Amino acid sequence: MSENLNTDLHVLGVFSLLSLLAVGGGTAVLPEMKALTVTAHQWLTDSQFRDIYSLGQVAPGPNMLMVIVIGYHVAGTPGALIAFTGFFLPASVLALGSSRLWNHFEGSPWRLALQNALAPIVVGLMAAGMIAIARTAITGITTTLIAVAVFLAVYFGPKINPALLILAGGAVGFFTLQ
C-alpha cells in the first residue's frame, strides 16, 4: 500500500470515528481529536492544534471546519477533502436516520427519557472539550490572566461580542508574550 493511500486512510478513519462520537457537536470530541492528532498519530504539535482550533473559532462558518486545516496539514488537498468528508458525512447520515426514528417515536415516554439522559452527557463532553483546549492554551501567568479576564467579562459583564474578546486577548498576548 502506498504511503499516501495509507495516510489518507488513517485521516479518513480518524475523522469518521470522531464524526460518530460528536454527540452534541464538535466541541464534544476535542479531547479525543487532540489525543488522536497530537499524541497518537503525531500529525500536529500541541501549539499547532491550539492555533488551528483558534483559527476555527474566529473564521466564519462552523468552527469544526478546522478538520479541513488538519487534513491539509497531514496530506495536502486530498487530506483536506478526506478529513472534511470523514468528519461531516457519517454524522450527517446518522443524524438523518436518527431524526426519522426520533419523529417516529414522538410522544413516547422513551423518547423523553432518552432526551433527558443525553443532556448531561452532552454538557459533560463539551466541558471536557473546553478543558482540553484550556490545558493547551493556558501556559503561564499571562495566559491565565487573559483566560480569567475573558471568563469574567463573558459571565459577569455586559453582552460583548466574543470576537472582540478574542481580538483583545490576542492583542494582549501579542504585546506581552513577545
N, C-alpha and C. Protein backbone atom coordinates (compact mmCIF):
# COMPACT_ATOMS: atom_id res chain seq x y z
N MET A 1 0.86 -1.18 0.00
CA MET A 1 0.00 0.00 0.00
C MET A 1 0.90 1.24 0.00
N SER A 2 0.60 2.18 -0.85
CA SER A 2 1.45 3.36 -0.93
C SER A 2 1.31 4.21 0.32
N GLU A 3 2.34 4.98 0.58
CA GLU A 3 2.38 5.84 1.77
C GLU A 3 1.21 6.83 1.77
N ASN A 4 0.93 7.44 0.61
CA ASN A 4 -0.16 8.43 0.53
C ASN A 4 -1.52 7.79 0.81
N LEU A 5 -1.75 6.61 0.23
CA LEU A 5 -3.03 5.93 0.45
C LEU A 5 -3.17 5.54 1.91
N ASN A 6 -2.10 5.07 2.52
CA ASN A 6 -2.12 4.69 3.93
C ASN A 6 -2.44 5.92 4.80
N THR A 7 -1.80 7.04 4.53
CA THR A 7 -2.07 8.28 5.27
C THR A 7 -3.51 8.72 5.07
N ASP A 8 -3.98 8.68 3.82
CA ASP A 8 -5.36 9.08 3.53
C ASP A 8 -6.37 8.22 4.28
N LEU A 9 -6.10 6.91 4.33
CA LEU A 9 -6.99 6.01 5.06
C LEU A 9 -6.97 6.29 6.56
N HIS A 10 -5.81 6.63 7.10
CA HIS A 10 -5.73 6.99 8.52
C HIS A 10 -6.52 8.27 8.79
N VAL A 11 -6.39 9.26 7.91
CA VAL A 11 -7.13 10.52 8.08
C VAL A 11 -8.63 10.23 8.03
N LEU A 12 -9.05 9.43 7.05
CA LEU A 12 -10.47 9.08 6.93
C LEU A 12 -10.95 8.34 8.18
N GLY A 13 -10.18 7.40 8.65
CA GLY A 13 -10.58 6.63 9.83
C GLY A 13 -10.69 7.50 11.07
N VAL A 14 -9.71 8.36 11.30
CA VAL A 14 -9.72 9.22 12.49
C VAL A 14 -10.93 10.15 12.47
N PHE A 15 -11.16 10.82 11.35
CA PHE A 15 -12.23 11.81 11.33
C PHE A 15 -13.61 11.18 11.21
N SER A 16 -13.70 9.98 10.63
CA SER A 16 -15.00 9.28 10.62
C SER A 16 -15.37 8.83 12.03
N LEU A 17 -14.39 8.32 12.78
CA LEU A 17 -14.64 7.94 14.17
C LEU A 17 -15.07 9.15 14.99
N LEU A 18 -14.34 10.25 14.85
CA LEU A 18 -14.69 11.47 15.59
C LEU A 18 -16.09 11.94 15.23
N SER A 19 -16.44 11.81 13.96
CA SER A 19 -17.76 12.23 13.49
C SER A 19 -18.87 11.49 14.24
N LEU A 20 -18.68 10.19 14.40
CA LEU A 20 -19.71 9.39 15.05
C LEU A 20 -19.73 9.58 16.57
N LEU A 21 -18.63 10.09 17.12
CA LEU A 21 -18.58 10.34 18.56
C LEU A 21 -19.03 11.75 18.94
N ALA A 22 -19.26 12.59 17.96
CA ALA A 22 -19.54 14.01 18.22
C ALA A 22 -20.98 14.24 18.66
N VAL A 23 -21.37 13.63 19.76
CA VAL A 23 -22.71 13.83 20.31
C VAL A 23 -22.76 15.22 20.92
N GLY A 24 -23.65 16.05 20.43
CA GLY A 24 -23.79 17.39 20.97
C GLY A 24 -22.94 18.42 20.26
N GLY A 25 -22.23 18.02 19.23
CA GLY A 25 -21.42 18.97 18.47
C GLY A 25 -19.95 18.63 18.50
N GLY A 26 -19.22 19.30 17.66
CA GLY A 26 -17.80 19.03 17.50
C GLY A 26 -16.97 19.28 18.74
N THR A 27 -17.38 20.23 19.57
CA THR A 27 -16.62 20.54 20.77
C THR A 27 -16.53 19.32 21.69
N ALA A 28 -17.52 18.46 21.62
CA ALA A 28 -17.55 17.27 22.48
C ALA A 28 -16.40 16.32 22.17
N VAL A 29 -15.85 16.35 20.95
CA VAL A 29 -14.78 15.42 20.60
C VAL A 29 -13.40 16.06 20.60
N LEU A 30 -13.30 17.31 21.04
CA LEU A 30 -11.99 17.97 21.03
C LEU A 30 -10.91 17.22 21.81
N PRO A 31 -11.21 16.69 23.01
CA PRO A 31 -10.16 15.95 23.71
C PRO A 31 -9.67 14.73 22.91
N GLU A 32 -10.61 14.00 22.32
CA GLU A 32 -10.23 12.83 21.54
C GLU A 32 -9.53 13.25 20.24
N MET A 33 -9.99 14.33 19.62
CA MET A 33 -9.33 14.82 18.41
C MET A 33 -7.89 15.20 18.71
N LYS A 34 -7.69 15.87 19.83
CA LYS A 34 -6.34 16.26 20.23
C LYS A 34 -5.50 15.02 20.50
N ALA A 35 -6.07 14.05 21.22
CA ALA A 35 -5.33 12.83 21.53
C ALA A 35 -4.92 12.09 20.26
N LEU A 36 -5.83 12.01 19.29
CA LEU A 36 -5.52 11.27 18.06
C LEU A 36 -4.56 12.02 17.15
N THR A 37 -4.76 13.32 17.00
CA THR A 37 -3.94 14.08 16.04
C THR A 37 -2.60 14.51 16.61
N VAL A 38 -2.52 14.72 17.93
CA VAL A 38 -1.28 15.18 18.55
C VAL A 38 -0.49 14.01 19.14
N THR A 39 -1.15 13.20 19.95
CA THR A 39 -0.44 12.14 20.68
C THR A 39 -0.31 10.85 19.87
N ALA A 40 -1.42 10.32 19.39
CA ALA A 40 -1.39 9.01 18.73
C ALA A 40 -0.67 9.05 17.38
N HIS A 41 -1.09 9.95 16.49
CA HIS A 41 -0.52 9.99 15.14
C HIS A 41 0.60 11.01 14.99
N GLN A 42 0.71 11.93 15.93
CA GLN A 42 1.73 12.99 15.91
C GLN A 42 1.70 13.78 14.61
N TRP A 43 0.49 14.07 14.14
CA TRP A 43 0.33 14.90 12.95
C TRP A 43 0.55 16.36 13.28
N LEU A 44 0.24 16.74 14.52
CA LEU A 44 0.33 18.13 14.97
C LEU A 44 1.04 18.18 16.31
N THR A 45 1.55 19.36 16.63
CA THR A 45 2.04 19.62 17.99
C THR A 45 0.89 20.23 18.79
N ASP A 46 1.09 20.33 20.10
CA ASP A 46 0.08 20.98 20.95
C ASP A 46 -0.23 22.39 20.45
N SER A 47 0.82 23.15 20.16
CA SER A 47 0.61 24.54 19.75
C SER A 47 -0.05 24.62 18.38
N GLN A 48 0.27 23.71 17.47
CA GLN A 48 -0.40 23.71 16.17
C GLN A 48 -1.88 23.40 16.33
N PHE A 49 -2.21 22.43 17.19
CA PHE A 49 -3.62 22.10 17.43
C PHE A 49 -4.35 23.31 18.01
N ARG A 50 -3.74 23.96 18.99
CA ARG A 50 -4.33 25.14 19.61
C ARG A 50 -4.55 26.24 18.58
N ASP A 51 -3.57 26.46 17.73
CA ASP A 51 -3.67 27.52 16.72
C ASP A 51 -4.75 27.20 15.69
N ILE A 52 -4.83 25.95 15.26
CA ILE A 52 -5.87 25.56 14.30
C ILE A 52 -7.25 25.68 14.93
N TYR A 53 -7.38 25.28 16.19
CA TYR A 53 -8.66 25.43 16.88
C TYR A 53 -9.04 26.91 16.98
N SER A 54 -8.08 27.75 17.32
CA SER A 54 -8.34 29.20 17.43
C SER A 54 -8.77 29.77 16.09
N LEU A 55 -8.12 29.34 15.03
CA LEU A 55 -8.50 29.79 13.69
C LEU A 55 -9.94 29.39 13.38
N GLY A 56 -10.31 28.18 13.76
CA GLY A 56 -11.68 27.71 13.55
C GLY A 56 -12.70 28.53 14.32
N GLN A 57 -12.31 29.09 15.45
CA GLN A 57 -13.22 29.89 16.26
C GLN A 57 -13.47 31.27 15.66
N VAL A 58 -12.45 31.84 15.03
CA VAL A 58 -12.61 33.20 14.51
C VAL A 58 -13.03 33.24 13.05
N ALA A 59 -12.85 32.14 12.33
CA ALA A 59 -13.23 32.11 10.92
C ALA A 59 -14.75 31.98 10.81
N PRO A 60 -15.32 32.58 9.78
CA PRO A 60 -16.77 32.45 9.60
C PRO A 60 -17.16 31.00 9.30
N GLY A 61 -18.33 30.62 9.72
CA GLY A 61 -18.82 29.27 9.48
C GLY A 61 -18.64 28.40 10.69
N PRO A 62 -18.97 27.13 10.55
CA PRO A 62 -18.84 26.19 11.66
C PRO A 62 -17.40 26.07 12.13
N ASN A 63 -17.20 26.09 13.44
CA ASN A 63 -15.84 26.04 13.97
C ASN A 63 -15.14 24.71 13.69
N MET A 64 -15.88 23.66 13.45
CA MET A 64 -15.26 22.36 13.22
C MET A 64 -14.74 22.22 11.78
N LEU A 65 -14.85 23.27 10.99
CA LEU A 65 -14.18 23.25 9.70
C LEU A 65 -12.67 23.18 9.88
N MET A 66 -12.24 23.29 11.13
CA MET A 66 -10.82 23.15 11.45
C MET A 66 -10.28 21.80 11.01
N VAL A 67 -11.15 20.79 10.84
CA VAL A 67 -10.69 19.48 10.40
C VAL A 67 -10.09 19.56 9.00
N ILE A 68 -10.57 20.51 8.20
CA ILE A 68 -10.01 20.70 6.85
C ILE A 68 -8.55 21.12 6.95
N VAL A 69 -8.26 22.03 7.86
CA VAL A 69 -6.89 22.51 8.04
C VAL A 69 -5.99 21.37 8.53
N ILE A 70 -6.51 20.56 9.45
CA ILE A 70 -5.72 19.42 9.93
C ILE A 70 -5.46 18.44 8.79
N GLY A 71 -6.49 18.11 8.03
CA GLY A 71 -6.33 17.21 6.90
C GLY A 71 -5.34 17.74 5.88
N TYR A 72 -5.39 19.04 5.62
CA TYR A 72 -4.45 19.67 4.68
C TYR A 72 -3.03 19.58 5.22
N HIS A 73 -2.88 19.82 6.50
CA HIS A 73 -1.56 19.74 7.13
C HIS A 73 -0.97 18.33 7.01
N VAL A 74 -1.81 17.33 7.12
CA VAL A 74 -1.36 15.95 7.11
C VAL A 74 -1.10 15.45 5.68
N ALA A 75 -2.02 15.74 4.75
CA ALA A 75 -1.94 15.11 3.42
C ALA A 75 -2.30 16.05 2.28
N GLY A 76 -2.12 17.34 2.46
CA GLY A 76 -2.38 18.28 1.36
C GLY A 76 -3.86 18.39 1.03
N THR A 77 -4.14 18.79 -0.20
CA THR A 77 -5.53 18.99 -0.63
C THR A 77 -6.36 17.72 -0.52
N PRO A 78 -5.85 16.56 -0.95
CA PRO A 78 -6.66 15.34 -0.76
C PRO A 78 -6.98 15.08 0.72
N GLY A 79 -6.02 15.34 1.59
CA GLY A 79 -6.24 15.16 3.02
C GLY A 79 -7.31 16.09 3.56
N ALA A 80 -7.34 17.32 3.04
CA ALA A 80 -8.37 18.28 3.46
C ALA A 80 -9.76 17.78 3.06
N LEU A 81 -9.88 17.30 1.84
CA LEU A 81 -11.18 16.79 1.37
C LEU A 81 -11.59 15.52 2.12
N ILE A 82 -10.62 14.67 2.38
CA ILE A 82 -10.90 13.42 3.10
C ILE A 82 -11.32 13.72 4.54
N ALA A 83 -10.61 14.63 5.20
CA ALA A 83 -10.95 14.97 6.59
C ALA A 83 -12.35 15.60 6.65
N PHE A 84 -12.65 16.48 5.71
CA PHE A 84 -13.98 17.11 5.66
C PHE A 84 -15.06 16.05 5.48
N THR A 85 -14.88 15.18 4.50
CA THR A 85 -15.87 14.14 4.22
C THR A 85 -15.99 13.18 5.40
N GLY A 86 -14.84 12.77 5.94
CA GLY A 86 -14.86 11.84 7.06
C GLY A 86 -15.53 12.40 8.29
N PHE A 87 -15.37 13.71 8.52
CA PHE A 87 -15.94 14.29 9.73
C PHE A 87 -17.42 14.62 9.58
N PHE A 88 -17.84 15.05 8.40
CA PHE A 88 -19.22 15.52 8.26
C PHE A 88 -20.19 14.50 7.65
N LEU A 89 -19.73 13.61 6.78
CA LEU A 89 -20.66 12.67 6.14
C LEU A 89 -21.24 11.63 7.09
N PRO A 90 -20.44 10.91 7.89
CA PRO A 90 -21.05 9.91 8.78
C PRO A 90 -22.05 10.52 9.77
N ALA A 91 -21.71 11.67 10.34
CA ALA A 91 -22.63 12.30 11.29
C ALA A 91 -23.91 12.75 10.60
N SER A 92 -23.79 13.21 9.36
CA SER A 92 -24.98 13.64 8.61
C SER A 92 -25.90 12.46 8.33
N VAL A 93 -25.33 11.35 7.91
CA VAL A 93 -26.14 10.15 7.64
C VAL A 93 -26.78 9.66 8.94
N LEU A 94 -26.01 9.63 10.03
CA LEU A 94 -26.54 9.22 11.32
C LEU A 94 -27.66 10.16 11.78
N ALA A 95 -27.46 11.46 11.60
CA ALA A 95 -28.49 12.44 12.00
C ALA A 95 -29.76 12.27 11.18
N LEU A 96 -29.62 12.02 9.89
CA LEU A 96 -30.80 11.81 9.05
C LEU A 96 -31.59 10.59 9.51
N GLY A 97 -30.88 9.50 9.72
CA GLY A 97 -31.57 8.28 10.15
C GLY A 97 -32.18 8.41 11.53
N SER A 98 -31.44 8.99 12.46
CA SER A 98 -31.97 9.10 13.82
C SER A 98 -33.10 10.12 13.90
N SER A 99 -33.08 11.15 13.06
CA SER A 99 -34.18 12.11 13.10
C SER A 99 -35.48 11.49 12.60
N ARG A 100 -35.35 10.61 11.62
CA ARG A 100 -36.56 9.90 11.14
C ARG A 100 -37.10 8.98 12.24
N LEU A 101 -36.20 8.29 12.92
CA LEU A 101 -36.60 7.42 14.02
C LEU A 101 -37.15 8.25 15.18
N TRP A 102 -36.52 9.38 15.46
CA TRP A 102 -36.94 10.28 16.53
C TRP A 102 -38.37 10.76 16.30
N ASN A 103 -38.65 11.16 15.07
CA ASN A 103 -40.01 11.62 14.74
C ASN A 103 -41.02 10.49 14.84
N HIS A 104 -40.60 9.27 14.53
CA HIS A 104 -41.50 8.13 14.62
C HIS A 104 -41.97 7.89 16.05
N PHE A 105 -41.12 8.17 17.02
CA PHE A 105 -41.46 7.93 18.43
C PHE A 105 -41.92 9.20 19.15
N GLU A 106 -42.40 10.18 18.40
CA GLU A 106 -42.91 11.41 19.02
C GLU A 106 -44.03 11.07 20.00
N GLY A 107 -43.92 11.66 21.20
CA GLY A 107 -44.91 11.42 22.23
C GLY A 107 -44.61 10.21 23.11
N SER A 108 -43.61 9.44 22.78
CA SER A 108 -43.25 8.26 23.57
C SER A 108 -42.50 8.67 24.83
N PRO A 109 -42.80 8.03 25.98
CA PRO A 109 -42.03 8.34 27.19
C PRO A 109 -40.55 7.94 27.06
N TRP A 110 -40.26 6.96 26.21
CA TRP A 110 -38.87 6.57 25.99
C TRP A 110 -38.08 7.69 25.31
N ARG A 111 -38.73 8.38 24.42
CA ARG A 111 -38.06 9.48 23.73
C ARG A 111 -37.69 10.58 24.72
N LEU A 112 -38.62 10.95 25.58
CA LEU A 112 -38.36 11.97 26.58
C LEU A 112 -37.26 11.53 27.56
N ALA A 113 -37.30 10.26 27.96
CA ALA A 113 -36.28 9.74 28.87
C ALA A 113 -34.89 9.78 28.22
N LEU A 114 -34.81 9.41 26.96
CA LEU A 114 -33.54 9.45 26.24
C LEU A 114 -33.04 10.89 26.10
N GLN A 115 -33.94 11.78 25.78
CA GLN A 115 -33.57 13.19 25.63
C GLN A 115 -33.05 13.74 26.96
N ASN A 116 -33.71 13.44 28.06
CA ASN A 116 -33.26 13.91 29.37
C ASN A 116 -31.93 13.27 29.78
N ALA A 117 -31.70 12.03 29.37
CA ALA A 117 -30.44 11.35 29.71
C ALA A 117 -29.27 11.91 28.91
N LEU A 118 -29.51 12.30 27.66
CA LEU A 118 -28.43 12.80 26.81
C LEU A 118 -27.97 14.20 27.19
N ALA A 119 -28.84 15.01 27.76
CA ALA A 119 -28.48 16.41 28.07
C ALA A 119 -27.24 16.51 28.95
N PRO A 120 -27.16 15.84 30.10
CA PRO A 120 -25.95 15.98 30.93
C PRO A 120 -24.71 15.37 30.26
N ILE A 121 -24.90 14.35 29.44
CA ILE A 121 -23.78 13.74 28.74
C ILE A 121 -23.17 14.76 27.77
N VAL A 122 -24.02 15.45 27.04
CA VAL A 122 -23.56 16.45 26.08
C VAL A 122 -22.84 17.59 26.81
N VAL A 123 -23.40 18.04 27.91
CA VAL A 123 -22.76 19.12 28.67
C VAL A 123 -21.39 18.67 29.18
N GLY A 124 -21.30 17.44 29.67
CA GLY A 124 -20.03 16.91 30.14
C GLY A 124 -18.99 16.79 29.03
N LEU A 125 -19.41 16.33 27.87
CA LEU A 125 -18.49 16.22 26.75
C LEU A 125 -18.00 17.59 26.29
N MET A 126 -18.89 18.56 26.29
CA MET A 126 -18.49 19.92 25.90
C MET A 126 -17.53 20.52 26.93
N ALA A 127 -17.78 20.25 28.21
CA ALA A 127 -16.87 20.73 29.25
C ALA A 127 -15.50 20.08 29.10
N ALA A 128 -15.47 18.79 28.77
CA ALA A 128 -14.19 18.12 28.55
C ALA A 128 -13.43 18.75 27.38
N GLY A 129 -14.16 19.12 26.34
CA GLY A 129 -13.53 19.81 25.21
C GLY A 129 -12.93 21.14 25.61
N MET A 130 -13.67 21.88 26.41
CA MET A 130 -13.19 23.18 26.89
C MET A 130 -11.93 23.00 27.74
N ILE A 131 -11.91 22.00 28.58
CA ILE A 131 -10.76 21.74 29.45
C ILE A 131 -9.54 21.35 28.61
N ALA A 132 -9.76 20.52 27.59
CA ALA A 132 -8.65 20.10 26.72
C ALA A 132 -8.00 21.29 26.03
N ILE A 133 -8.81 22.21 25.54
CA ILE A 133 -8.26 23.40 24.88
C ILE A 133 -7.60 24.31 25.91
N ALA A 134 -8.21 24.47 27.07
CA ALA A 134 -7.63 25.33 28.11
C ALA A 134 -6.26 24.82 28.53
N ARG A 135 -6.10 23.52 28.65
CA ARG A 135 -4.80 22.95 29.04
C ARG A 135 -3.72 23.26 28.01
N THR A 136 -4.12 23.36 26.76
CA THR A 136 -3.16 23.67 25.70
C THR A 136 -2.89 25.17 25.63
N ALA A 137 -3.93 25.97 25.84
CA ALA A 137 -3.81 27.42 25.63
C ALA A 137 -3.27 28.16 26.85
N ILE A 138 -3.57 27.69 28.04
CA ILE A 138 -3.13 28.38 29.25
C ILE A 138 -1.78 27.82 29.65
N THR A 139 -0.74 28.62 29.37
CA THR A 139 0.63 28.12 29.53
C THR A 139 1.45 28.88 30.56
N GLY A 140 0.89 29.90 31.16
CA GLY A 140 1.64 30.69 32.14
C GLY A 140 0.74 31.71 32.79
N ILE A 141 1.34 32.62 33.53
CA ILE A 141 0.56 33.61 34.28
C ILE A 141 -0.18 34.57 33.35
N THR A 142 0.46 34.98 32.25
CA THR A 142 -0.20 35.92 31.34
C THR A 142 -1.43 35.29 30.70
N THR A 143 -1.29 34.07 30.18
CA THR A 143 -2.44 33.42 29.56
C THR A 143 -3.51 33.06 30.58
N THR A 144 -3.10 32.77 31.81
CA THR A 144 -4.08 32.53 32.88
C THR A 144 -4.89 33.79 33.16
N LEU A 145 -4.21 34.93 33.24
CA LEU A 145 -4.90 36.20 33.49
C LEU A 145 -5.83 36.56 32.33
N ILE A 146 -5.40 36.30 31.10
CA ILE A 146 -6.27 36.57 29.94
C ILE A 146 -7.51 35.68 30.03
N ALA A 147 -7.33 34.40 30.34
CA ALA A 147 -8.46 33.47 30.44
C ALA A 147 -9.44 33.90 31.53
N VAL A 148 -8.92 34.28 32.68
CA VAL A 148 -9.78 34.73 33.79
C VAL A 148 -10.53 36.00 33.40
N ALA A 149 -9.83 36.95 32.78
CA ALA A 149 -10.47 38.20 32.37
C ALA A 149 -11.59 37.96 31.35
N VAL A 150 -11.34 37.06 30.39
CA VAL A 150 -12.37 36.76 29.40
C VAL A 150 -13.56 36.07 30.06
N PHE A 151 -13.30 35.13 30.95
CA PHE A 151 -14.39 34.46 31.66
C PHE A 151 -15.24 35.47 32.43
N LEU A 152 -14.58 36.35 33.18
CA LEU A 152 -15.31 37.35 33.97
C LEU A 152 -16.11 38.28 33.06
N ALA A 153 -15.52 38.66 31.94
CA ALA A 153 -16.23 39.56 31.01
C ALA A 153 -17.46 38.87 30.41
N VAL A 154 -17.33 37.60 30.08
CA VAL A 154 -18.45 36.87 29.48
C VAL A 154 -19.53 36.59 30.53
N TYR A 155 -19.11 36.17 31.71
CA TYR A 155 -20.07 35.74 32.72
C TYR A 155 -20.74 36.89 33.45
N PHE A 156 -19.95 37.91 33.80
CA PHE A 156 -20.49 38.99 34.63
C PHE A 156 -20.68 40.31 33.89
N GLY A 157 -20.01 40.50 32.81
CA GLY A 157 -20.03 41.79 32.12
C GLY A 157 -21.24 41.96 31.24
N PRO A 158 -21.30 43.12 30.60
CA PRO A 158 -22.39 43.35 29.65
C PRO A 158 -22.20 42.45 28.43
N LYS A 159 -23.25 42.28 27.67
CA LYS A 159 -23.18 41.41 26.48
C LYS A 159 -22.16 41.98 25.51
N ILE A 160 -21.06 41.24 25.31
CA ILE A 160 -19.98 41.66 24.42
C ILE A 160 -19.82 40.58 23.35
N ASN A 161 -19.59 41.01 22.14
CA ASN A 161 -19.34 40.08 21.05
C ASN A 161 -18.07 39.28 21.38
N PRO A 162 -18.15 37.95 21.41
CA PRO A 162 -16.97 37.14 21.74
C PRO A 162 -15.79 37.39 20.81
N ALA A 163 -16.05 37.76 19.57
CA ALA A 163 -14.95 38.04 18.63
C ALA A 163 -14.10 39.20 19.14
N LEU A 164 -14.73 40.17 19.79
CA LEU A 164 -13.97 41.30 20.34
C LEU A 164 -13.08 40.84 21.50
N LEU A 165 -13.59 39.91 22.30
CA LEU A 165 -12.79 39.37 23.39
C LEU A 165 -11.61 38.56 22.85
N ILE A 166 -11.84 37.82 21.78
CA ILE A 166 -10.76 37.05 21.17
C ILE A 166 -9.69 38.00 20.63
N LEU A 167 -10.13 39.05 19.95
CA LEU A 167 -9.17 40.03 19.43
C LEU A 167 -8.40 40.72 20.55
N ALA A 168 -9.11 41.08 21.62
CA ALA A 168 -8.45 41.74 22.75
C ALA A 168 -7.44 40.79 23.40
N GLY A 169 -7.84 39.54 23.61
CA GLY A 169 -6.92 38.55 24.19
C GLY A 169 -5.71 38.33 23.30
N GLY A 170 -5.94 38.28 22.00
CA GLY A 170 -4.84 38.12 21.06
C GLY A 170 -3.89 39.30 21.10
N ALA A 171 -4.44 40.50 21.18
CA ALA A 171 -3.60 41.71 21.24
C ALA A 171 -2.77 41.73 22.53
N VAL A 172 -3.42 41.42 23.64
CA VAL A 172 -2.68 41.38 24.92
C VAL A 172 -1.58 40.33 24.85
N GLY A 173 -1.92 39.14 24.34
CA GLY A 173 -0.91 38.09 24.22
C GLY A 173 0.22 38.49 23.30
N PHE A 174 -0.11 39.14 22.20
CA PHE A 174 0.92 39.55 21.24
C PHE A 174 1.92 40.52 21.87
N PHE A 175 1.40 41.48 22.62
CA PHE A 175 2.29 42.51 23.19
C PHE A 175 2.98 42.07 24.47
N THR A 176 2.42 41.11 25.19
CA THR A 176 3.03 40.71 26.46
C THR A 176 3.85 39.42 26.38
N LEU A 177 3.60 38.60 25.40
CA LEU A 177 4.28 37.31 25.31
C LEU A 177 5.45 37.32 24.32
N GLN A 178 5.86 38.49 23.88
CA GLN A 178 6.96 38.57 22.92
C GLN A 178 8.29 38.67 23.61
